[in-house]
All heavy atoms as atom14 arrays in JSON, in Angstrom:
{
  "sequence": "ARGVDVLLSEFRWVWVPVLALACFTAWLRRSMRVGAT",
  "atom14_mask": [
    [1, 1, 1, 1, 1, 0, 0, 0, 0, 0, 0, 0, 0, 0],
    [1, 1, 1, 1, 1, 1, 1, 1, 1, 1, 1, 0, 0, 0],
    [1, 1, 1, 1, 0, 0, 0, 0, 0, 0, 0, 0, 0, 0],
    [1, 1, 1, 1, 1, 1, 1, 0, 0, 0, 0, 0, 0, 0],
    [1, 1, 1, 1, 1, 1, 1, 1, 0, 0, 0, 0, 0, 0],
    [1, 1, 1, 1, 1, 1, 1, 0, 0, 0, 0, 0, 0, 0],
    [1, 1, 1, 1, 1, 1, 1, 1, 0, 0, 0, 0, 0, 0],
    [1, 1, 1, 1, 1, 1, 1, 1, 0, 0, 0, 0, 0, 0],
    [1, 1, 1, 1, 1, 1, 0, 0, 0, 0, 0, 0, 0, 0],
    [1, 1, 1, 1, 1, 1, 1, 1, 1, 0, 0, 0, 0, 0],
    [1, 1, 1, 1, 1, 1, 1, 1, 1, 1, 1, 0, 0, 0],
    [1, 1, 1, 1, 1, 1, 1, 1, 1, 1, 1, 0, 0, 0],
    [1, 1, 1, 1, 1, 1, 1, 1, 1, 1, 1, 1, 1, 1],
    [1, 1, 1, 1, 1, 1, 1, 0, 0, 0, 0, 0, 0, 0],
    [1, 1, 1, 1, 1, 1, 1, 1, 1, 1, 1, 1, 1, 1],
    [1, 1, 1, 1, 1, 1, 1, 0, 0, 0, 0, 0, 0, 0],
    [1, 1, 1, 1, 1, 1, 1, 0, 0, 0, 0, 0, 0, 0],
    [1, 1, 1, 1, 1, 1, 1, 0, 0, 0, 0, 0, 0, 0],
    [1, 1, 1, 1, 1, 1, 1, 1, 0, 0, 0, 0, 0, 0],
    [1, 1, 1, 1, 1, 0, 0, 0, 0, 0, 0, 0, 0, 0],
    [1, 1, 1, 1, 1, 1, 1, 1, 0, 0, 0, 0, 0, 0],
    [1, 1, 1, 1, 1, 0, 0, 0, 0, 0, 0, 0, 0, 0],
    [1, 1, 1, 1, 1, 1, 0, 0, 0, 0, 0, 0, 0, 0],
    [1, 1, 1, 1, 1, 1, 1, 1, 1, 1, 1, 0, 0, 0],
    [1, 1, 1, 1, 1, 1, 1, 0, 0, 0, 0, 0, 0, 0],
    [1, 1, 1, 1, 1, 0, 0, 0, 0, 0, 0, 0, 0, 0],
    [1, 1, 1, 1, 1, 1, 1, 1, 1, 1, 1, 1, 1, 1],
    [1, 1, 1, 1, 1, 1, 1, 1, 0, 0, 0, 0, 0, 0],
    [1, 1, 1, 1, 1, 1, 1, 1, 1, 1, 1, 0, 0, 0],
    [1, 1, 1, 1, 1, 1, 1, 1, 1, 1, 1, 0, 0, 0],
    [1, 1, 1, 1, 1, 1, 0, 0, 0, 0, 0, 0, 0, 0],
    [1, 1, 1, 1, 1, 1, 1, 1, 0, 0, 0, 0, 0, 0],
    [1, 1, 1, 1, 1, 1, 1, 1, 1, 1, 1, 0, 0, 0],
    [1, 1, 1, 1, 1, 1, 1, 0, 0, 0, 0, 0, 0, 0],
    [1, 1, 1, 1, 0, 0, 0, 0, 0, 0, 0, 0, 0, 0],
    [1, 1, 1, 1, 1, 0, 0, 0, 0, 0, 0, 0, 0, 0],
    [1, 1, 1, 1, 1, 1, 1, 0, 0, 0, 0, 0, 0, 0]
  ],
  "atom14_positions": [
    [[65.93, -61.45, -76.02], [66.39, -62.27, -77.14], [65.69, -63.62, -77.12], [65.34, -64.16, -78.17], [67.91, -62.44, -77.07], [0.0, 0.0, 0.0], [0.0, 0.0, 0.0], [0.0, 0.0, 0.0], [0.0, 0.0, 0.0], [0.0, 0.0, 0.0], [0.0, 0.0, 0.0], [0.0, 0.0, 0.0], [0.0, 0.0, 0.0], [0.0, 0.0, 0.0]],
    [[65.46, -64.15, -75.94], [64.75, -65.43, -75.82], [63.32, -65.3, -76.35], [62.82, -66.18, -77.03], [64.72, -65.86, -74.34], [63.86, -67.06, -74.07], [64.64, -68.35, -74.15], [63.76, -69.44, -73.76], [63.23, -70.29, -74.64], [63.51, -70.19, -75.91], [62.45, -71.25, -74.23], [0.0, 0.0, 0.0], [0.0, 0.0, 0.0], [0.0, 0.0, 0.0]],
    [[62.66, -64.18, -76.06], [61.31, -63.94, -76.56], [61.28, -63.89, -78.09], [60.35, -64.41, -78.71], [0.0, 0.0, 0.0], [0.0, 0.0, 0.0], [0.0, 0.0, 0.0], [0.0, 0.0, 0.0], [0.0, 0.0, 0.0], [0.0, 0.0, 0.0], [0.0, 0.0, 0.0], [0.0, 0.0, 0.0], [0.0, 0.0, 0.0], [0.0, 0.0, 0.0]],
    [[62.3, -63.31, -78.69], [62.39, -63.25, -80.16], [62.55, -64.66, -80.72], [61.91, -65.02, -81.71], [63.54, -62.34, -80.61], [63.8, -62.46, -82.1], [63.26, -60.89, -80.22], [0.0, 0.0, 0.0], [0.0, 0.0, 0.0], [0.0, 0.0, 0.0], [0.0, 0.0, 0.0], [0.0, 0.0, 0.0], [0.0, 0.0, 0.0], [0.0, 0.0, 0.0]],
    [[63.38, -65.47, -80.07], [63.55, -66.86, -80.51], [62.22, -67.62, -80.46], [61.9, -68.4, -81.35], [64.58, -67.6, -79.64], [66.0, -67.13, -79.9], [66.24, -66.5, -80.95], [66.86, -67.4, -79.03], [0.0, 0.0, 0.0], [0.0, 0.0, 0.0], [0.0, 0.0, 0.0], [0.0, 0.0, 0.0], [0.0, 0.0, 0.0], [0.0, 0.0, 0.0]],
    [[61.45, -67.39, -79.41], [60.15, -68.04, -79.26], [59.21, -67.61, -80.39], [58.55, -68.44, -81.02], [59.52, -67.73, -77.88], [58.06, -68.14, -77.83], [60.31, -68.43, -76.79], [0.0, 0.0, 0.0], [0.0, 0.0, 0.0], [0.0, 0.0, 0.0], [0.0, 0.0, 0.0], [0.0, 0.0, 0.0], [0.0, 0.0, 0.0], [0.0, 0.0, 0.0]],
    [[59.15, -66.31, -80.65], [58.29, -65.81, -81.72], [58.69, -66.38, -83.08], [57.82, -66.75, -83.88], [58.3, -64.28, -81.75], [57.61, -63.61, -80.58], [57.82, -62.11, -80.61], [56.12, -63.94, -80.56], [0.0, 0.0, 0.0], [0.0, 0.0, 0.0], [0.0, 0.0, 0.0], [0.0, 0.0, 0.0], [0.0, 0.0, 0.0], [0.0, 0.0, 0.0]],
    [[59.98, -66.49, -83.34], [60.43, -67.09, -84.61], [60.05, -68.56, -84.68], [59.65, -69.05, -85.74], [61.94, -66.9, -84.76], [62.41, -65.47, -85.0], [63.94, -65.39, -84.97], [61.87, -64.93, -86.31], [0.0, 0.0, 0.0], [0.0, 0.0, 0.0], [0.0, 0.0, 0.0], [0.0, 0.0, 0.0], [0.0, 0.0, 0.0], [0.0, 0.0, 0.0]],
    [[60.15, -69.26, -83.57], [59.75, -70.66, -83.52], [58.25, -70.8, -83.81], [57.83, -71.66, -84.6], [60.09, -71.25, -82.15], [59.52, -72.51, -81.96], [0.0, 0.0, 0.0], [0.0, 0.0, 0.0], [0.0, 0.0, 0.0], [0.0, 0.0, 0.0], [0.0, 0.0, 0.0], [0.0, 0.0, 0.0], [0.0, 0.0, 0.0], [0.0, 0.0, 0.0]],
    [[57.45, -69.96, -83.17], [56.0, -70.0, -83.4], [55.66, -69.63, -84.84], [54.76, -70.22, -85.43], [55.29, -69.06, -82.43], [55.33, -69.55, -81.01], [54.67, -68.6, -80.05], [54.01, -67.63, -80.48], [54.79, -68.84, -78.83], [0.0, 0.0, 0.0], [0.0, 0.0, 0.0], [0.0, 0.0, 0.0], [0.0, 0.0, 0.0], [0.0, 0.0, 0.0]],
    [[56.36, -68.65, -85.36], [56.13, -68.24, -86.75], [56.37, -69.43, -87.68], [55.56, -69.73, -88.55], [57.03, -67.06, -87.11], [56.77, -66.5, -88.48], [55.66, -65.72, -88.72], [57.65, -66.76, -89.52], [55.41, -65.2, -89.98], [57.42, -66.25, -90.78], [56.29, -65.47, -91.02], [0.0, 0.0, 0.0], [0.0, 0.0, 0.0], [0.0, 0.0, 0.0]],
    [[57.46, -70.12, -87.47], [57.83, -71.25, -88.33], [56.88, -72.43, -88.2], [56.44, -73.01, -89.19], [59.26, -71.69, -87.99], [59.7, -72.91, -88.73], [61.09, -73.32, -88.31], [61.53, -74.47, -89.08], [62.59, -75.17, -88.76], [63.33, -74.84, -87.73], [62.92, -76.21, -89.49], [0.0, 0.0, 0.0], [0.0, 0.0, 0.0], [0.0, 0.0, 0.0]],
    [[56.56, -72.8, -86.95], [55.83, -74.04, -86.71], [54.32, -73.88, -86.61], [53.59, -74.87, -86.73], [56.35, -74.74, -85.45], [57.76, -75.19, -85.61], [58.86, -74.66, -85.01], [58.23, -76.24, -86.44], [59.99, -75.32, -85.41], [59.63, -76.3, -86.29], [57.61, -77.14, -87.31], [60.41, -77.24, -86.96], [58.4, -78.07, -87.98], [59.77, -78.11, -87.81]],
    [[53.83, -72.65, -86.39], [52.39, -72.45, -86.25], [51.86, -71.44, -87.26], [50.98, -71.77, -88.05], [52.02, -72.0, -84.81], [50.51, -71.87, -84.66], [52.58, -72.97, -83.77], [0.0, 0.0, 0.0], [0.0, 0.0, 0.0], [0.0, 0.0, 0.0], [0.0, 0.0, 0.0], [0.0, 0.0, 0.0], [0.0, 0.0, 0.0], [0.0, 0.0, 0.0]],
    [[52.37, -70.22, -87.24], [51.82, -69.16, -88.07], [51.87, -69.47, -89.56], [50.85, -69.35, -90.25], [52.53, -67.82, -87.79], [52.12, -67.22, -86.5], [52.51, -67.63, -85.24], [51.22, -66.14, -86.3], [51.91, -66.84, -84.28], [51.12, -65.91, -84.91], [50.5, -65.32, -87.16], [50.32, -64.92, -84.37], [49.71, -64.32, -86.63], [49.62, -64.13, -85.25]],
    [[53.01, -69.86, -90.07], [53.12, -70.12, -91.51], [52.2, -71.25, -91.95], [51.39, -71.07, -92.86], [54.59, -70.38, -91.94], [54.68, -70.89, -93.36], [55.41, -69.09, -91.77], [0.0, 0.0, 0.0], [0.0, 0.0, 0.0], [0.0, 0.0, 0.0], [0.0, 0.0, 0.0], [0.0, 0.0, 0.0], [0.0, 0.0, 0.0], [0.0, 0.0, 0.0]],
    [[52.23, -72.43, -91.3], [51.33, -73.49, -91.75], [49.85, -73.17, -91.55], [49.03, -73.45, -92.42], [51.73, -74.72, -90.93], [52.85, -74.33, -90.06], [53.16, -72.89, -90.27], [0.0, 0.0, 0.0], [0.0, 0.0, 0.0], [0.0, 0.0, 0.0], [0.0, 0.0, 0.0], [0.0, 0.0, 0.0], [0.0, 0.0, 0.0], [0.0, 0.0, 0.0]],
    [[49.49, -72.56, -90.42], [48.08, -72.26, -90.15], [47.55, -71.21, -91.12], [46.46, -71.35, -91.68], [47.89, -71.83, -88.67], [46.53, -71.21, -88.45], [48.08, -73.04, -87.75], [0.0, 0.0, 0.0], [0.0, 0.0, 0.0], [0.0, 0.0, 0.0], [0.0, 0.0, 0.0], [0.0, 0.0, 0.0], [0.0, 0.0, 0.0], [0.0, 0.0, 0.0]],
    [[48.31, -70.15, -91.32], [47.86, -69.11, -92.26], [47.83, -69.62, -93.69], [46.93, -69.27, -94.45], [48.72, -67.85, -92.13], [48.52, -67.08, -90.83], [49.49, -65.9, -90.74], [47.08, -66.61, -90.67], [0.0, 0.0, 0.0], [0.0, 0.0, 0.0], [0.0, 0.0, 0.0], [0.0, 0.0, 0.0], [0.0, 0.0, 0.0], [0.0, 0.0, 0.0]],
    [[48.8, -70.44, -94.08], [48.79, -71.02, -95.43], [47.54, -71.89, -95.62], [46.87, -71.8, -96.66], [50.05, -71.84, -95.66], [0.0, 0.0, 0.0], [0.0, 0.0, 0.0], [0.0, 0.0, 0.0], [0.0, 0.0, 0.0], [0.0, 0.0, 0.0], [0.0, 0.0, 0.0], [0.0, 0.0, 0.0], [0.0, 0.0, 0.0], [0.0, 0.0, 0.0]],
    [[47.23, -72.71, -94.64], [46.04, -73.56, -94.73], [44.76, -72.72, -94.76], [43.85, -72.99, -95.55], [45.99, -74.55, -93.56], [44.82, -75.51, -93.54], [44.81, -76.4, -94.79], [44.86, -76.38, -92.28], [0.0, 0.0, 0.0], [0.0, 0.0, 0.0], [0.0, 0.0, 0.0], [0.0, 0.0, 0.0], [0.0, 0.0, 0.0], [0.0, 0.0, 0.0]],
    [[44.69, -71.68, -93.93], [43.51, -70.82, -93.9], [43.33, -70.1, -95.23], [42.22, -70.04, -95.77], [43.63, -69.8, -92.76], [0.0, 0.0, 0.0], [0.0, 0.0, 0.0], [0.0, 0.0, 0.0], [0.0, 0.0, 0.0], [0.0, 0.0, 0.0], [0.0, 0.0, 0.0], [0.0, 0.0, 0.0], [0.0, 0.0, 0.0], [0.0, 0.0, 0.0]],
    [[44.41, -69.56, -95.76], [44.32, -68.84, -97.04], [43.96, -69.79, -98.18], [43.13, -69.45, -99.03], [45.63, -68.1, -97.34], [45.9, -66.7, -96.23], [0.0, 0.0, 0.0], [0.0, 0.0, 0.0], [0.0, 0.0, 0.0], [0.0, 0.0, 0.0], [0.0, 0.0, 0.0], [0.0, 0.0, 0.0], [0.0, 0.0, 0.0], [0.0, 0.0, 0.0]],
    [[44.55, -70.97, -98.2], [44.23, -71.95, -99.23], [42.77, -72.37, -99.15], [42.07, -72.45, -100.16], [45.15, -73.17, -99.13], [44.78, -74.25, -100.1], [45.08, -74.11, -101.45], [44.12, -75.4, -99.67], [44.72, -75.11, -102.36], [43.76, -76.39, -100.57], [44.06, -76.25, -101.92], [0.0, 0.0, 0.0], [0.0, 0.0, 0.0], [0.0, 0.0, 0.0]],
    [[42.29, -72.61, -97.93], [40.89, -73.01, -97.75], [39.94, -71.89, -98.17], [38.93, -72.14, -98.83], [40.64, -73.41, -96.28], [41.56, -74.44, -95.93], [39.23, -73.91, -96.07], [0.0, 0.0, 0.0], [0.0, 0.0, 0.0], [0.0, 0.0, 0.0], [0.0, 0.0, 0.0], [0.0, 0.0, 0.0], [0.0, 0.0, 0.0], [0.0, 0.0, 0.0]],
    [[40.27, -70.65, -97.8], [39.43, -69.51, -98.21], [39.43, -69.37, -99.73], [38.38, -69.14, -100.34], [39.94, -68.23, -97.56], [0.0, 0.0, 0.0], [0.0, 0.0, 0.0], [0.0, 0.0, 0.0], [0.0, 0.0, 0.0], [0.0, 0.0, 0.0], [0.0, 0.0, 0.0], [0.0, 0.0, 0.0], [0.0, 0.0, 0.0], [0.0, 0.0, 0.0]],
    [[40.59, -69.53, -100.35], [40.68, -69.45, -101.81], [39.86, -70.56, -102.46], [39.12, -70.33, -103.41], [42.15, -69.54, -102.25], [42.3, -69.66, -103.72], [42.27, -68.65, -104.64], [42.48, -70.87, -104.46], [42.43, -69.16, -105.91], [42.56, -70.52, -105.83], [42.59, -72.22, -104.1], [42.73, -71.46, -106.83], [42.77, -73.15, -105.1], [42.83, -72.78, -106.44]],
    [[39.98, -71.77, -101.94], [39.25, -72.91, -102.47], [37.74, -72.7, -102.32], [36.97, -72.95, -103.26], [39.69, -74.18, -101.74], [39.25, -75.51, -102.31], [39.81, -75.7, -103.71], [39.73, -76.64, -101.4], [0.0, 0.0, 0.0], [0.0, 0.0, 0.0], [0.0, 0.0, 0.0], [0.0, 0.0, 0.0], [0.0, 0.0, 0.0], [0.0, 0.0, 0.0]],
    [[37.31, -72.2, -101.16], [35.89, -71.93, -100.91], [35.36, -70.9, -101.91], [34.31, -71.09, -102.51], [35.71, -71.44, -99.48], [34.29, -71.15, -99.08], [34.17, -70.78, -97.6], [35.18, -69.88, -97.1], [35.15, -68.54, -97.24], [34.17, -67.97, -97.86], [36.1, -67.8, -96.72], [0.0, 0.0, 0.0], [0.0, 0.0, 0.0], [0.0, 0.0, 0.0]],
    [[36.11, -69.85, -102.13], [35.68, -68.81, -103.09], [35.69, -69.34, -104.52], [34.79, -69.04, -105.31], [36.59, -67.59, -102.98], [36.32, -66.78, -101.74], [37.11, -65.49, -101.7], [37.01, -64.89, -100.39], [37.99, -64.88, -99.5], [39.16, -65.39, -99.79], [37.81, -64.33, -98.32], [0.0, 0.0, 0.0], [0.0, 0.0, 0.0], [0.0, 0.0, 0.0]],
    [[36.68, -70.14, -104.86], [36.77, -70.71, -106.21], [35.58, -71.62, -106.49], [35.02, -71.61, -107.59], [38.06, -71.49, -106.38], [39.17, -70.66, -106.28], [0.0, 0.0, 0.0], [0.0, 0.0, 0.0], [0.0, 0.0, 0.0], [0.0, 0.0, 0.0], [0.0, 0.0, 0.0], [0.0, 0.0, 0.0], [0.0, 0.0, 0.0], [0.0, 0.0, 0.0]],
    [[35.21, -72.41, -105.51], [34.06, -73.32, -105.68], [32.77, -72.53, -105.82], [31.91, -72.9, -106.6], [33.99, -74.3, -104.52], [35.14, -75.3, -104.53], [35.23, -76.34, -103.06], [33.7, -77.23, -103.19], [0.0, 0.0, 0.0], [0.0, 0.0, 0.0], [0.0, 0.0, 0.0], [0.0, 0.0, 0.0], [0.0, 0.0, 0.0], [0.0, 0.0, 0.0]],
    [[32.66, -71.42, -105.06], [31.45, -70.6, -105.16], [31.38, -69.92, -106.52], [30.32, -69.88, -107.14], [31.45, -69.56, -104.04], [30.17, -68.77, -103.96], [30.1, -67.87, -102.76], [31.3, -67.06, -102.66], [31.88, -66.69, -101.54], [31.38, -67.08, -100.39], [32.97, -65.97, -101.53], [0.0, 0.0, 0.0], [0.0, 0.0, 0.0], [0.0, 0.0, 0.0]],
    [[32.49, -69.39, -107.03], [32.53, -68.75, -108.34], [32.27, -69.77, -109.43], [31.52, -69.51, -110.39], [33.88, -68.03, -108.55], [34.04, -67.59, -110.0], [34.02, -66.85, -107.61], [0.0, 0.0, 0.0], [0.0, 0.0, 0.0], [0.0, 0.0, 0.0], [0.0, 0.0, 0.0], [0.0, 0.0, 0.0], [0.0, 0.0, 0.0], [0.0, 0.0, 0.0]],
    [[32.84, -70.96, -109.31], [32.63, -72.01, -110.3], [31.2, -72.52, -110.36], [30.73, -73.01, -111.38], [0.0, 0.0, 0.0], [0.0, 0.0, 0.0], [0.0, 0.0, 0.0], [0.0, 0.0, 0.0], [0.0, 0.0, 0.0], [0.0, 0.0, 0.0], [0.0, 0.0, 0.0], [0.0, 0.0, 0.0], [0.0, 0.0, 0.0], [0.0, 0.0, 0.0]],
    [[30.48, -72.4, -109.24], [29.11, -72.87, -109.17], [28.12, -71.9, -109.83], [27.01, -72.25, -110.12], [28.7, -73.11, -107.72], [0.0, 0.0, 0.0], [0.0, 0.0, 0.0], [0.0, 0.0, 0.0], [0.0, 0.0, 0.0], [0.0, 0.0, 0.0], [0.0, 0.0, 0.0], [0.0, 0.0, 0.0], [0.0, 0.0, 0.0], [0.0, 0.0, 0.0]],
    [[28.56, -70.65, -110.04], [27.66, -69.67, -110.65], [27.83, -69.56, -112.15], [28.63, -70.09, -112.78], [27.88, -68.26, -110.05], [29.24, -67.88, -110.21], [27.45, -68.24, -108.62], [0.0, 0.0, 0.0], [0.0, 0.0, 0.0], [0.0, 0.0, 0.0], [0.0, 0.0, 0.0], [0.0, 0.0, 0.0], [0.0, 0.0, 0.0], [0.0, 0.0, 0.0]]
  ]
}
């Protein structure tokens, strides 16, 4: 149960923000490339 609590903590404080930033950056990079053509 302690391990599950740790994973939920990491999901909240690391996974969600890091993946959101990565996806937003990838989307922005692709949008800029499409807009440039």
